[in-house]
Amino acid sequence: MSASAPSTGRRTFRAALVVANVAIIGVFIHQSLAFPSFPAGSTLGETDGAVPDGVTVFDDIPAVANLDPALLVALRKAARDAADDGVKFFVNSGWRTPAYQEHLLQEAVSKYGSEKEAARWVATPTTSPHVSGQAIDIGRSDATAWLSEHGSRYGLCQIYDNEPWHYELRPEAVTRGCPPRYADPTHDPRMQG
């Protein structure tokens, strides 16, 4: 064994800890945005895409039912296979109305202090793949870990490094693997519109 092996192992371990901490922090940030408090007198709610606790990809609420049909088929197939491994796909967020997306964006601006910083976590109503039903945010780390390992078989790909819960359908991934991820939504050309 070379003298550099222990220090290489420590560096790898430290890097893994940093990645794990960033993921954990991101989950807490995401969950605080996924279950917003609506302003007094607001009519926003489940019909706009808000997701109550415990919803799975098999539930028939607007956030799930209004997803792109091909995405929903792939999610449900993956969820059935994941269940064989003891993993359940809970939904933190799915389809959203433009009004709900705008509400989430304004909450993020308030939380992060600027539109620029908020854009790392929440897209505008005109650019968000959630508004078009093209994205889902999966809850719980066992499910995101399972999708990270097996999702490409179903065309389900993580899109952003900072959002391990955010998945979109990329049918070509079944044969070619998932495309490289963006660091965060600000690096995604679709978010520039």
Protein backbone atom coordinates (compact mmCIF):
# COMPACT_ATOMS: atom_id res chain seq x y z
CA MET A 1 0.00 0.00 0.00
CA SER A 2 1.39 3.39 -0.90
CA ALA A 3 1.74 6.29 1.51
CA SER A 4 -0.86 8.27 -0.46
CA ALA A 5 -3.59 5.64 -0.14
CA PRO A 6 -4.77 6.70 3.36
CA SER A 7 -4.88 10.39 2.44
CA THR A 8 -6.70 9.59 -0.81
CA GLY A 9 -9.22 7.58 1.20
CA ARG A 10 -9.69 10.47 3.63
CA ARG A 11 -10.17 12.95 0.80
CA THR A 12 -12.75 10.65 -0.81
CA PHE A 13 -14.52 10.25 2.53
CA ARG A 14 -14.53 14.02 3.13
CA ALA A 15 -15.83 14.66 -0.38
CA ALA A 16 -18.61 12.12 0.22
CA LEU A 17 -19.52 13.87 3.49
CA VAL A 18 -19.69 17.25 1.75
CA VAL A 19 -21.95 15.82 -0.98
CA ALA A 20 -24.17 14.14 1.62
CA ASN A 21 -24.46 17.36 3.65
CA VAL A 22 -25.37 19.39 0.57
CA ALA A 23 -28.03 16.83 -0.33
CA ILE A 24 -29.47 16.87 3.20
CA ILE A 25 -29.56 20.68 3.29
CA GLY A 26 -31.19 20.68 -0.15
CA VAL A 27 -33.88 18.26 1.03
CA PHE A 28 -34.73 20.53 3.97
CA ILE A 29 -34.85 23.57 1.69
CA HIS A 30 -36.99 21.72 -0.81
CA GLN A 31 -39.38 20.43 1.79
CA SER A 32 -39.84 23.92 3.18
CA LEU A 33 -40.77 25.09 -0.32
CA ALA A 34 -42.81 21.99 -1.19
CA PHE A 35 -45.29 22.56 1.64
CA PRO A 36 -45.85 26.29 1.51
CA SER A 37 -48.08 28.34 3.68
CA PHE A 38 -50.54 30.15 1.49
CA PRO A 39 -51.37 33.76 2.26
CA ALA A 40 -54.52 34.46 4.23
CA GLY A 41 -57.48 34.58 1.88
CA SER A 42 -55.59 32.65 -0.80
CA THR A 43 -57.51 30.17 -2.89
CA LEU A 44 -54.35 28.20 -3.72
CA GLY A 45 -54.37 24.58 -2.59
CA GLU A 46 -54.50 20.98 -3.74
CA THR A 47 -56.32 21.86 -6.96
CA ASP A 48 -53.31 24.06 -7.84
CA GLY A 49 -50.84 21.25 -7.24
CA ALA A 50 -50.13 21.42 -3.51
CA VAL A 51 -49.35 17.93 -2.21
CA PRO A 52 -50.48 16.73 1.21
CA ASP A 53 -48.19 14.41 3.19
CA GLY A 54 -48.20 10.74 2.23
CA VAL A 55 -49.13 11.08 -1.46
CA THR A 56 -47.61 8.46 -3.77
CA VAL A 57 -47.28 8.25 -7.54
CA PHE A 58 -50.41 6.05 -7.52
CA ASP A 59 -52.69 8.64 -5.91
CA ASP A 60 -55.23 10.52 -7.98
CA ILE A 61 -54.75 14.13 -6.93
CA PRO A 62 -54.10 16.97 -9.41
CA ALA A 63 -50.33 17.13 -8.74
CA VAL A 64 -50.05 13.49 -9.87
CA ALA A 65 -52.99 13.07 -12.23
CA ASN A 66 -52.02 16.14 -14.30
CA LEU A 67 -48.48 14.92 -14.98
CA ASP A 68 -47.52 14.16 -18.57
CA PRO A 69 -49.03 10.69 -19.24
CA ALA A 70 -45.71 9.20 -20.41
CA LEU A 71 -43.95 10.49 -17.28
CA LEU A 72 -46.68 9.04 -15.07
CA VAL A 73 -46.49 5.63 -16.78
CA ALA A 74 -42.70 5.53 -16.33
CA LEU A 75 -42.99 6.63 -12.67
CA ARG A 76 -45.59 4.02 -11.84
CA LYS A 77 -43.62 1.24 -13.53
CA ALA A 78 -40.47 2.26 -11.65
CA ALA A 79 -42.45 2.53 -8.39
CA ARG A 80 -43.83 -1.00 -8.79
CA ASP A 81 -40.30 -2.33 -9.34
CA ALA A 82 -38.90 -0.26 -6.45
CA ALA A 83 -41.61 -1.70 -4.18
CA ASP A 84 -40.00 -5.13 -4.75
CA ASP A 85 -36.91 -3.62 -3.06
CA GLY A 86 -39.01 -2.21 -0.21
CA VAL A 87 -38.95 1.37 -1.56
CA LYS A 88 -42.04 3.57 -1.88
CA PHE A 89 -42.21 6.67 -4.12
CA PHE A 90 -43.76 9.54 -2.22
CA VAL A 91 -44.49 12.77 -4.08
CA ASN A 92 -43.35 16.12 -2.70
CA SER A 93 -44.42 18.01 -5.79
CA GLY A 94 -45.60 17.35 -9.32
CA TRP A 95 -47.80 19.33 -11.66
CA ARG A 96 -48.51 22.92 -10.53
CA THR A 97 -50.63 25.79 -11.78
CA PRO A 98 -48.82 28.97 -12.87
CA ALA A 99 -50.28 30.74 -9.82
CA TYR A 100 -48.88 28.13 -7.46
CA GLN A 101 -45.50 28.27 -9.20
CA GLU A 102 -45.46 32.07 -8.85
CA HIS A 103 -46.30 31.71 -5.16
CA LEU A 104 -43.37 29.28 -4.69
CA LEU A 105 -41.07 31.63 -6.57
CA GLN A 106 -42.05 34.61 -4.41
CA GLU A 107 -41.51 32.53 -1.26
CA ALA A 108 -38.03 31.58 -2.55
CA VAL A 109 -37.20 35.23 -3.33
CA SER A 110 -38.23 36.15 0.21
CA LYS A 111 -36.21 33.28 1.67
CA TYR A 112 -33.03 33.78 -0.40
CA GLY A 113 -33.11 37.56 -0.68
CA SER A 114 -32.98 37.89 -4.47
CA GLU A 115 -34.51 36.56 -7.65
CA LYS A 116 -31.05 35.47 -8.79
CA GLU A 117 -30.48 33.26 -5.76
CA ALA A 118 -34.08 31.97 -5.75
CA ALA A 119 -33.63 30.87 -9.38
CA ARG A 120 -31.23 28.19 -8.17
CA TRP A 121 -34.23 26.44 -6.59
CA VAL A 122 -37.49 27.64 -8.18
CA ALA A 123 -38.27 28.39 -11.82
CA THR A 124 -40.70 30.98 -13.14
CA PRO A 125 -44.23 29.95 -14.12
CA THR A 126 -43.29 30.26 -17.81
CA THR A 127 -40.18 28.06 -17.56
CA SER A 128 -41.02 25.51 -14.86
CA PRO A 129 -41.39 21.92 -16.10
CA HIS A 130 -43.75 21.42 -13.15
CA VAL A 131 -46.30 23.78 -14.70
CA SER A 132 -46.30 21.71 -17.91
CA GLY A 133 -46.49 18.43 -15.96
CA GLN A 134 -43.01 17.40 -17.12
CA ALA A 135 -41.36 17.10 -13.68
CA ILE A 136 -41.85 15.42 -10.35
CA ASP A 137 -40.14 15.84 -7.00
CA ILE A 138 -39.84 12.50 -5.24
CA GLY A 139 -39.74 12.40 -1.48
CA ARG A 140 -37.55 10.40 0.88
CA SER A 141 -33.93 9.57 0.36
CA ASP A 142 -34.42 5.83 -0.20
CA ALA A 143 -36.59 6.57 -3.24
CA THR A 144 -34.21 9.15 -4.71
CA ALA A 145 -31.29 6.78 -4.11
CA TRP A 146 -33.19 4.00 -5.88
CA LEU A 147 -34.01 6.29 -8.82
CA SER A 148 -30.42 7.51 -8.97
CA GLU A 149 -29.31 3.93 -9.48
CA HIS A 150 -32.19 2.53 -11.58
CA GLY A 151 -34.11 5.49 -13.02
CA SER A 152 -32.48 5.52 -16.46
CA ARG A 153 -34.00 2.07 -17.16
CA TYR A 154 -37.36 3.85 -17.11
CA GLY A 155 -36.17 7.06 -18.76
CA LEU A 156 -36.33 8.88 -15.41
CA CYS A 157 -33.41 11.22 -14.91
CA GLN A 158 -32.24 13.57 -12.19
CA ILE A 159 -31.77 16.92 -13.91
CA TYR A 160 -29.99 19.09 -11.33
CA ASP A 161 -27.07 18.30 -9.01
CA ASN A 162 -28.59 20.45 -6.27
CA GLU A 163 -32.01 18.77 -6.48
CA PRO A 164 -31.66 15.00 -6.02
CA TRP A 165 -35.46 14.76 -5.78
CA HIS A 166 -36.27 16.39 -9.16
CA TYR A 167 -36.87 13.91 -12.00
CA GLU A 168 -37.96 14.33 -15.58
CA LEU A 169 -38.62 11.86 -18.38
CA ARG A 170 -35.82 11.38 -20.91
CA PRO A 171 -36.94 8.38 -23.02
CA GLU A 172 -33.53 8.13 -24.71
CA ALA A 173 -32.01 7.36 -21.30
CA VAL A 174 -33.38 3.82 -21.54
CA THR A 175 -30.74 3.00 -24.17
CA ARG A 176 -28.16 5.77 -23.72
CA GLY A 177 -28.27 6.59 -20.01
CA CYS A 178 -29.25 9.89 -18.49
CA PRO A 179 -27.68 13.06 -19.88
CA PRO A 180 -25.23 15.04 -17.75
CA ARG A 181 -26.95 17.02 -15.00
CA TYR A 182 -26.91 20.78 -14.66
CA ALA A 183 -25.38 22.18 -11.47
CA ASP A 184 -28.72 23.90 -10.74
CA PRO A 185 -31.61 25.36 -12.74
CA THR A 186 -29.67 28.55 -13.54
CA HIS A 187 -27.43 26.45 -15.82
CA ASP A 188 -30.38 24.88 -17.68
CA PRO A 189 -31.00 26.66 -21.03
CA ARG A 190 -34.74 25.98 -20.68
CA MET A 191 -34.85 28.24 -17.63
CA GLN A 192 -33.53 31.27 -19.51
CA GLY A 193 -36.88 32.07 -21.18
